[in-house]
């Protein structure tokens, strides 16, 4: 299969034992991707990172990291920017030690500034941060996530264009966030999902379709965008049509789920994807 499936954070079936146990549980469930949720802070010993890496490799589980929420490529003071930089750098450094190849993060806010201005600032910041990591031998892909509120920097076009223009950057496409972003429930049909893949291929080439990272879940939203994640079958997200588009365009990478029931939705989507792929 071209796509791996997993969860963001420990599956509900995980016994005691921390992140290494969660990674092992992913494989026991029949899944093969796991996103380490360091969303508040990165406080982990190098020895623990080494254990995560070993368990991931032994179980053939693709690892990624969700960096702390408090990252903003458009921070408005030097002090806040320095703190934001350090959070992303630390997530990348520790994630690399843990065997993660993808570092997912929320790219920030427009702060009521022109989107073009914010884009240029984010671009220069990512060039700077990638340069630091590259000089340290930290080989990870920084993946700004598409955001679920229109006030937040990170629409589809922005994260794809950053991927084109900045070395070491790739998109994290949150399907639920795109659906909720404008508060009107758009981006929820096969044609729209197909349009997304066509845009990726036009901008990044065929290789862009073969290096993707998705977040998925159901989502509740209002006029200003996302409110909270919900279970797939309790949402209005046409997730089966999204998976059909993944099959039709040969998307490769991973899809990790943030639904409240975590592995249940991941397993449901995995089984659906496999059936669709068999028919293709």
Protein backbone atom coordinates (compact mmCIF):
# COMPACT_ATOMS: atom_id res chain seq x y z
CA UNK A 1 0.00 0.00 0.00
CA UNK A 2 1.19 3.53 -0.75
CA UNK A 3 -0.13 5.02 2.48
CA UNK A 4 0.63 4.16 6.08
CA UNK A 5 -2.02 4.67 8.77
CA UNK A 6 -1.67 5.52 12.44
CA UNK A 7 -2.51 7.90 15.26
CA UNK A 8 -1.35 11.17 16.76
CA UNK A 9 -0.56 10.27 20.35
CA UNK A 10 -0.84 6.93 22.12
CA UNK A 11 -3.62 4.58 21.01
CA UNK A 12 -6.27 4.04 23.66
CA UNK A 13 -5.21 0.37 23.84
CA UNK A 14 -1.67 1.25 24.92
CA UNK A 15 -0.60 -0.33 28.23
CA UNK A 16 1.66 1.52 30.64
CA UNK A 17 5.14 2.14 29.31
CA UNK A 18 5.08 5.53 27.65
CA UNK A 19 5.82 6.29 24.01
CA UNK A 20 7.85 3.12 23.26
CA UNK A 21 4.84 1.05 24.38
CA UNK A 22 2.56 3.18 22.21
CA UNK A 23 4.75 2.53 19.16
CA UNK A 24 4.70 -1.21 19.81
CA UNK A 25 0.91 -1.07 20.24
CA UNK A 26 0.54 0.59 16.84
CA UNK A 27 2.10 -2.48 15.21
CA UNK A 28 0.04 -4.90 17.31
CA UNK A 29 -3.09 -3.14 16.07
CA UNK A 30 -1.98 -3.61 12.47
CA UNK A 31 -1.13 0.07 11.93
CA UNK A 32 2.25 1.37 10.76
CA UNK A 33 2.58 5.09 11.49
CA UNK A 34 2.78 7.02 14.74
CA UNK A 35 3.04 10.71 15.55
CA UNK A 36 4.70 11.53 18.86
CA UNK A 37 2.62 14.28 20.42
CA UNK A 38 5.04 16.72 22.04
CA UNK A 39 2.39 19.41 21.77
CA UNK A 40 2.99 21.15 25.12
CA UNK A 41 6.76 20.94 25.42
CA UNK A 42 9.73 18.74 24.53
CA UNK A 43 11.09 17.21 27.72
CA UNK A 44 12.58 13.85 26.92
CA UNK A 45 15.93 12.22 27.63
CA UNK A 46 18.20 11.13 24.81
CA UNK A 47 18.09 7.58 26.17
CA UNK A 48 14.29 7.54 25.85
CA UNK A 49 14.58 8.86 22.30
CA UNK A 50 16.95 6.02 21.47
CA UNK A 51 14.42 3.53 22.81
CA UNK A 52 11.66 5.05 20.66
CA UNK A 53 13.88 4.79 17.60
CA UNK A 54 14.70 1.16 18.30
CA UNK A 55 11.07 0.15 18.83
CA UNK A 56 9.97 2.03 15.72
CA UNK A 57 12.61 0.33 13.58
CA UNK A 58 11.94 -3.12 15.03
CA UNK A 59 8.21 -2.78 14.29
CA UNK A 60 8.49 -0.96 10.94
CA UNK A 61 6.47 1.99 12.25
CA UNK A 62 7.06 5.33 10.51
CA UNK A 63 7.56 8.01 13.17
CA UNK A 64 6.77 11.69 13.10
CA UNK A 65 6.60 14.39 15.77
CA UNK A 66 3.95 16.99 16.43
CA UNK A 67 5.93 19.94 17.79
CA UNK A 68 4.55 22.23 20.54
CA UNK A 69 1.52 24.32 19.67
CA UNK A 70 3.30 27.51 20.71
CA UNK A 71 5.25 27.98 17.49
CA UNK A 72 4.66 31.06 15.35
CA UNK A 73 6.80 31.87 12.32
CA UNK A 74 5.28 35.34 12.49
CA UNK A 75 5.91 36.09 16.18
CA UNK A 76 5.60 39.79 16.86
CA UNK A 77 8.54 40.34 19.23
CA UNK A 78 12.15 39.16 19.19
CA UNK A 79 11.65 37.39 22.52
CA UNK A 80 8.61 35.46 21.31
CA UNK A 81 10.34 34.58 18.06
CA UNK A 82 13.39 33.24 19.88
CA UNK A 83 11.17 31.02 22.04
CA UNK A 84 9.25 29.82 18.98
CA UNK A 85 12.48 29.01 17.15
CA UNK A 86 13.80 27.00 20.08
CA UNK A 87 10.59 24.97 20.39
CA UNK A 88 10.74 23.91 16.76
CA UNK A 89 14.48 23.26 16.83
CA UNK A 90 14.20 21.18 19.99
CA UNK A 91 11.33 19.12 18.56
CA UNK A 92 13.44 18.48 15.45
CA UNK A 93 16.61 17.58 17.37
CA UNK A 94 14.91 15.22 19.79
CA UNK A 95 12.61 13.86 17.10
CA UNK A 96 15.63 12.99 14.95
CA UNK A 97 17.16 11.11 17.88
CA UNK A 98 13.84 9.27 18.29
CA UNK A 99 13.85 8.14 14.66
CA UNK A 100 11.22 10.58 13.43
CA UNK A 101 11.62 11.85 9.89
CA UNK A 102 8.77 14.40 9.88
CA UNK A 103 8.32 17.35 12.25
CA UNK A 104 4.77 18.74 12.16
CA UNK A 105 3.99 22.20 13.50
CA UNK A 106 1.38 24.96 13.44
CA UNK A 107 3.00 27.74 11.42
CA UNK A 108 1.45 30.76 13.14
CA UNK A 109 -0.94 33.67 12.76
CA UNK A 110 -1.43 36.45 10.23
CA UNK A 111 -1.85 38.96 13.09
CA UNK A 112 -4.08 40.91 10.67
CA UNK A 113 -1.11 41.47 8.38
CA UNK A 114 -1.19 40.96 4.59
CA UNK A 115 -0.88 37.23 3.80
CA UNK A 116 1.89 37.91 1.26
CA UNK A 117 3.95 39.66 3.94
CA UNK A 118 3.45 36.85 6.44
CA UNK A 119 4.36 34.28 3.80
CA UNK A 120 7.70 35.96 3.08
CA UNK A 121 8.53 36.18 6.77
CA UNK A 122 7.63 32.51 7.29
CA UNK A 123 9.71 31.55 4.27
CA UNK A 124 12.81 33.35 5.53
CA UNK A 125 12.38 31.89 9.00
CA UNK A 126 12.15 28.34 7.64
CA UNK A 127 15.25 28.89 5.50
CA UNK A 128 17.06 29.99 8.66
CA UNK A 129 15.85 27.10 10.80
CA UNK A 130 16.51 24.47 8.16
CA UNK A 131 20.02 25.84 7.78
CA UNK A 132 20.66 25.43 11.50
CA UNK A 133 19.37 21.85 11.52
CA UNK A 134 21.29 20.93 8.39
CA UNK A 135 24.52 22.25 9.91
CA UNK A 136 23.90 20.01 12.94
CA UNK A 137 23.22 16.93 10.81
CA UNK A 138 19.57 16.77 11.87
CA UNK A 139 17.93 15.18 8.83
CA UNK A 140 14.22 15.80 9.18
CA UNK A 141 11.50 17.38 7.07
CA UNK A 142 9.80 20.41 8.61
CA UNK A 143 6.09 20.22 7.81
CA UNK A 144 3.89 23.29 8.40
CA UNK A 145 0.31 22.13 8.88
CA UNK A 146 -2.74 23.47 7.07
CA UNK A 147 -4.77 25.30 9.71
CA UNK A 148 -8.46 25.18 10.54
CA UNK A 149 -9.14 28.89 11.10
CA UNK A 150 -8.91 31.61 8.48
CA UNK A 151 -7.04 33.91 10.92
CA UNK A 152 -4.16 31.43 11.01
CA UNK A 153 -1.35 31.32 8.48
CA UNK A 154 -1.37 28.02 6.64
CA UNK A 155 -3.81 27.46 3.81
CA UNK A 156 -3.17 24.76 1.22
CA UNK A 157 -1.48 27.07 -1.27
CA UNK A 158 0.84 28.52 1.37
CA UNK A 159 2.17 25.23 2.72
CA UNK A 160 2.60 23.78 -0.77
CA UNK A 161 4.44 26.89 -2.00
CA UNK A 162 6.74 26.81 1.04
CA UNK A 163 7.56 23.23 0.10
CA UNK A 164 8.51 24.36 -3.40
CA UNK A 165 10.66 27.29 -2.27
CA UNK A 166 12.39 26.05 0.90
CA UNK A 167 14.73 23.07 1.14
CA UNK A 168 13.82 20.60 3.85
CA UNK A 169 10.14 21.61 4.01
CA UNK A 170 7.07 19.51 3.13
CA UNK A 171 3.33 19.96 3.61
CA UNK A 172 1.28 18.50 6.43
CA UNK A 173 -2.22 18.50 4.99
CA UNK A 174 -4.91 18.36 7.66
CA UNK A 175 -8.01 17.37 5.72
CA UNK A 176 -10.39 18.28 8.55
CA UNK A 177 -8.77 21.70 8.94
CA UNK A 178 -9.21 22.48 5.24
CA UNK A 179 -12.86 21.45 5.53
CA UNK A 180 -13.42 23.72 8.55
CA UNK A 181 -11.17 26.66 7.59
CA UNK A 182 -13.71 29.01 6.06
CA UNK A 183 -16.53 28.00 8.38
CA UNK A 184 -18.79 26.93 5.53
CA UNK A 185 -17.89 23.28 5.20
CA UNK A 186 -16.16 23.55 1.84
CA UNK A 187 -13.38 21.23 0.68
CA UNK A 188 -15.55 18.17 1.12
CA UNK A 189 -16.06 16.51 -2.26
CA UNK A 190 -14.13 14.20 -4.55
CA UNK A 191 -13.63 17.02 -7.04
CA UNK A 192 -12.13 19.28 -4.35
CA UNK A 193 -9.83 16.53 -3.08
CA UNK A 194 -8.79 15.79 -6.66
CA UNK A 195 -8.17 19.50 -7.17
CA UNK A 196 -5.85 19.46 -4.16
CA UNK A 197 -3.77 16.64 -5.62
CA UNK A 198 -3.70 18.33 -9.03
CA UNK A 199 -2.40 21.52 -7.38
CA UNK A 200 0.28 19.57 -5.53
CA UNK A 201 1.39 17.82 -8.71
CA UNK A 202 1.38 21.07 -10.71
CA UNK A 203 3.46 22.87 -8.07
CA UNK A 204 5.78 20.09 -6.87
CA UNK A 205 5.70 17.57 -9.68
CA UNK A 206 4.90 13.88 -9.39
CA UNK A 207 7.41 13.58 -6.54
CA UNK A 208 5.18 15.90 -4.51
CA UNK A 209 2.45 13.25 -4.56
CA UNK A 210 4.92 10.69 -3.23
CA UNK A 211 6.01 12.61 -0.13
CA UNK A 212 2.84 13.52 1.74
CA UNK A 213 1.78 13.60 5.37
CA UNK A 214 -1.89 13.90 6.30
CA UNK A 215 -3.84 14.54 9.47
CA UNK A 216 -7.44 13.38 9.45
CA UNK A 217 -10.48 13.23 11.72
CA UNK A 218 -14.04 14.40 11.77
CA UNK A 219 -14.39 18.01 12.83
CA UNK A 220 -16.91 20.39 14.34
CA UNK A 221 -16.69 23.98 13.11
CA UNK A 222 -18.35 27.36 13.25
CA UNK A 223 -18.19 30.59 11.27
CA UNK A 224 -14.59 31.22 12.37
CA UNK A 225 -13.44 27.71 11.58
CA UNK A 226 -12.58 24.62 13.60
CA UNK A 227 -13.87 23.96 17.11
CA UNK A 228 -12.84 20.40 17.93
CA UNK A 229 -12.12 16.99 16.44
CA UNK A 230 -14.88 14.38 16.33
CA UNK A 231 -15.21 10.74 15.26
CA UNK A 232 -15.30 10.24 11.49
CA UNK A 233 -18.72 8.61 11.36
CA UNK A 234 -20.20 11.36 13.55
CA UNK A 235 -18.97 14.12 11.24
CA UNK A 236 -19.97 15.54 7.88
CA UNK A 237 -16.51 14.98 6.39
CA UNK A 238 -16.65 12.93 3.18
CA UNK A 239 -13.55 11.00 4.16
CA UNK A 240 -14.21 8.06 1.86
CA UNK A 241 -14.08 10.41 -1.13
CA UNK A 242 -10.77 11.75 0.18
CA UNK A 243 -9.38 8.21 0.36
CA UNK A 244 -10.64 7.49 -3.16
CA UNK A 245 -8.73 10.53 -4.40
CA UNK A 246 -5.63 9.27 -2.57
CA UNK A 247 -5.91 5.99 -4.46
CA UNK A 248 -6.61 7.61 -7.83
CA UNK A 249 -3.66 10.02 -7.62
CA UNK A 250 -1.23 7.49 -6.15
CA UNK A 251 -0.61 9.52 -2.99
CA UNK A 252 2.22 8.14 -0.84
CA UNK A 253 3.16 8.85 2.74
CA UNK A 254 1.18 8.60 5.95
CA UNK A 255 -2.24 9.48 7.34
CA UNK A 256 -2.46 9.86 11.11
CA UNK A 257 -5.71 10.31 12.99
CA UNK A 258 -6.61 12.79 15.72
CA UNK A 259 -10.17 11.55 16.25
CA UNK A 260 -11.28 11.04 19.88
CA UNK A 261 -11.32 7.29 19.23
CA UNK A 262 -7.84 7.36 17.64
CA UNK A 263 -7.06 3.83 16.46
CA UNK A 264 -10.70 2.97 15.72
CA UNK A 265 -10.87 5.64 13.03
CA UNK A 266 -7.34 4.82 11.83
CA UNK A 267 -8.27 1.15 11.40
CA UNK A 268 -11.58 2.01 9.74
CA UNK A 269 -9.86 4.30 7.26
CA UNK A 270 -7.07 1.80 6.62
CA UNK A 271 -9.54 -0.98 5.82
CA UNK A 272 -11.54 1.34 3.56
CA UNK A 273 -8.40 2.48 1.75
CA UNK A 274 -7.29 -1.09 1.14
CA UNK A 275 -10.66 -2.03 -0.34
CA UNK A 276 -10.59 1.01 -2.62
CA UNK A 277 -7.01 0.24 -3.69
CA UNK A 278 -7.91 -3.35 -4.52
CA UNK A 279 -10.65 -2.14 -6.87
CA UNK A 280 -8.38 0.37 -8.61
